[in-house]
Amino acid sequence: MAETKLLPKIGSKVKINIDKVKDRLPAKLIDQISSNPRVVTTGYKMTDGRSIGITVRLQNGEENWFFPEEIEKG
């Protein structure tokens, strides 16, 4: 389980590691992230009862969530 002290704070600027997500996302989202991987954290999401996802706002205003290991300090 992800420890909350390791999760980025809400409102912090982080970067999505495109290499860790490109195999599971639609091409349109991959293109958006590739053009600008920097995002702002907006919250947390319980994923499967054992992990916490990070919700983020992309540059175009859309929100999505990612696993902590897919996010880097921005």
C-alpha atoms as a PDB file:
ATOM      1  CA  MET A   1       0.000   0.000   0.000  1.00  0.00           C
ATOM      2  CA  ALA A   2       1.281   3.471  -0.827  1.00  0.00           C
ATOM      3  CA  GLU A   3       2.224   5.505   2.202  1.00  0.00           C
ATOM      4  CA  THR A   4       0.638   8.935   2.317  1.00  0.00           C
ATOM      5  CA  LYS A   5       3.945  10.579   3.245  1.00  0.00           C
ATOM      6  CA  LEU A   6       5.268   9.482  -0.165  1.00  0.00           C
ATOM      7  CA  LEU A   7       2.317  10.872  -2.121  1.00  0.00           C
ATOM      8  CA  PRO A   8       2.559  14.360  -3.601  1.00  0.00           C
ATOM      9  CA  LYS A   9       0.499  17.020  -1.875  1.00  0.00           C
ATOM     10  CA  ILE A  10      -2.711  18.213  -3.516  1.00  0.00           C
ATOM     11  CA  GLY A  11      -1.915  21.236  -5.661  1.00  0.00           C
ATOM     12  CA  SER A  12       1.683  20.238  -6.313  1.00  0.00           C
ATOM     13  CA  LYS A  13       3.104  20.154  -9.817  1.00  0.00           C
ATOM     14  CA  VAL A  14       4.296  16.739 -10.930  1.00  0.00           C
ATOM     15  CA  LYS A  15       5.230  14.980 -14.147  1.00  0.00           C
ATOM     16  CA  ILE A  16       3.737  11.815 -15.644  1.00  0.00           C
ATOM     17  CA  ASN A  17       6.337   9.252 -16.702  1.00  0.00           C
ATOM     18  CA  ILE A  18       5.060   8.459 -20.200  1.00  0.00           C
ATOM     19  CA  ASP A  19       7.123   5.261 -20.439  1.00  0.00           C
ATOM     20  CA  LYS A  20       5.211   3.759 -17.510  1.00  0.00           C
ATOM     21  CA  VAL A  21       1.712   4.520 -18.847  1.00  0.00           C
ATOM     22  CA  LYS A  22       1.852   4.301 -22.640  1.00  0.00           C
ATOM     23  CA  ASP A  23       0.850   0.625 -22.709  1.00  0.00           C
ATOM     24  CA  ARG A  24      -2.486   1.218 -20.934  1.00  0.00           C
ATOM     25  CA  LEU A  25      -3.773   4.600 -22.159  1.00  0.00           C
ATOM     26  CA  PRO A  26      -5.625   5.596 -25.348  1.00  0.00           C
ATOM     27  CA  ALA A  27      -3.543   7.220 -28.098  1.00  0.00           C
ATOM     28  CA  LYS A  28      -5.232  10.620 -27.660  1.00  0.00           C
ATOM     29  CA  LEU A  29      -4.253  10.765 -23.982  1.00  0.00           C
ATOM     30  CA  ILE A  30      -0.724   9.572 -24.758  1.00  0.00           C
ATOM     31  CA  ASP A  31      -0.388  12.426 -27.285  1.00  0.00           C
ATOM     32  CA  GLN A  32      -1.581  14.986 -24.705  1.00  0.00           C
ATOM     33  CA  ILE A  33       0.827  13.723 -22.075  1.00  0.00           C
ATOM     34  CA  SER A  34       3.707  13.474 -24.563  1.00  0.00           C
ATOM     35  CA  SER A  35       3.265  17.115 -25.591  1.00  0.00           C
ATOM     36  CA  ASN A  36       3.261  18.263 -21.943  1.00  0.00           C
ATOM     37  CA  PRO A  37       3.714  15.688 -19.142  1.00  0.00           C
ATOM     38  CA  ARG A  38       3.450  18.291 -16.359  1.00  0.00           C
ATOM     39  CA  VAL A  39       0.222  18.125 -14.350  1.00  0.00           C
ATOM     40  CA  VAL A  40      -1.243  19.379 -11.053  1.00  0.00           C
ATOM     41  CA  THR A  41      -2.392  16.945  -8.366  1.00  0.00           C
ATOM     42  CA  THR A  42      -6.062  17.363  -7.454  1.00  0.00           C
ATOM     43  CA  GLY A  43      -6.695  14.468  -5.076  1.00  0.00           C
ATOM     44  CA  TYR A  44      -6.360  10.786  -4.282  1.00  0.00           C
ATOM     45  CA  LYS A  45      -8.306   7.704  -5.340  1.00  0.00           C
ATOM     46  CA  MET A  46      -8.594   4.298  -3.693  1.00  0.00           C
ATOM     47  CA  THR A  47      -7.758   1.909  -6.520  1.00  0.00           C
ATOM     48  CA  ASP A  48      -8.260  -1.672  -5.390  1.00  0.00           C
ATOM     49  CA  GLY A  49      -8.363  -1.574  -1.633  1.00  0.00           C
ATOM     50  CA  ARG A  50      -4.588  -1.852  -1.337  1.00  0.00           C
ATOM     51  CA  SER A  51      -3.280   1.107  -3.287  1.00  0.00           C
ATOM     52  CA  ILE A  52      -3.901   4.828  -3.634  1.00  0.00           C
ATOM     53  CA  GLY A  53      -4.035   6.545  -7.006  1.00  0.00           C
ATOM     54  CA  ILE A  54      -3.275  10.204  -7.625  1.00  0.00           C
ATOM     55  CA  THR A  55      -5.809  12.304  -9.505  1.00  0.00           C
ATOM     56  CA  VAL A  56      -4.320  15.039 -11.663  1.00  0.00           C
ATOM     57  CA  ARG A  57      -5.432  17.852 -13.953  1.00  0.00           C
ATOM     58  CA  LEU A  58      -3.822  17.845 -17.389  1.00  0.00           C
ATOM     59  CA  GLN A  59      -2.896  21.057 -19.204  1.00  0.00           C
ATOM     60  CA  ASN A  60      -6.145  20.917 -21.220  1.00  0.00           C
ATOM     61  CA  GLY A  61      -8.209  20.794 -18.006  1.00  0.00           C
ATOM     62  CA  GLU A  62      -9.112  17.104 -18.144  1.00  0.00           C
ATOM     63  CA  GLU A  63      -8.674  15.031 -15.008  1.00  0.00           C
ATOM     64  CA  ASN A  64      -7.319  11.494 -14.838  1.00  0.00           C
ATOM     65  CA  TRP A  65      -5.649   9.304 -12.238  1.00  0.00           C
ATOM     66  CA  PHE A  66      -2.343   7.463 -12.105  1.00  0.00           C
ATOM     67  CA  PHE A  67      -0.497   5.138  -9.765  1.00  0.00           C
ATOM     68  CA  PRO A  68       2.202   6.794  -7.605  1.00  0.00           C
ATOM     69  CA  GLU A  69       4.974   4.948  -9.444  1.00  0.00           C
ATOM     70  CA  GLU A  70       3.831   6.598 -12.706  1.00  0.00           C
ATOM     71  CA  ILE A  71       4.316  10.104 -11.259  1.00  0.00           C
ATOM     72  CA  GLU A  72       7.602  11.972 -10.772  1.00  0.00           C
ATOM     73  CA  LYS A  73       8.379  15.213  -9.029  1.00  0.00           C
ATOM     74  CA  GLY A  74       7.891  17.935 -11.574  1.00  0.00           C
END
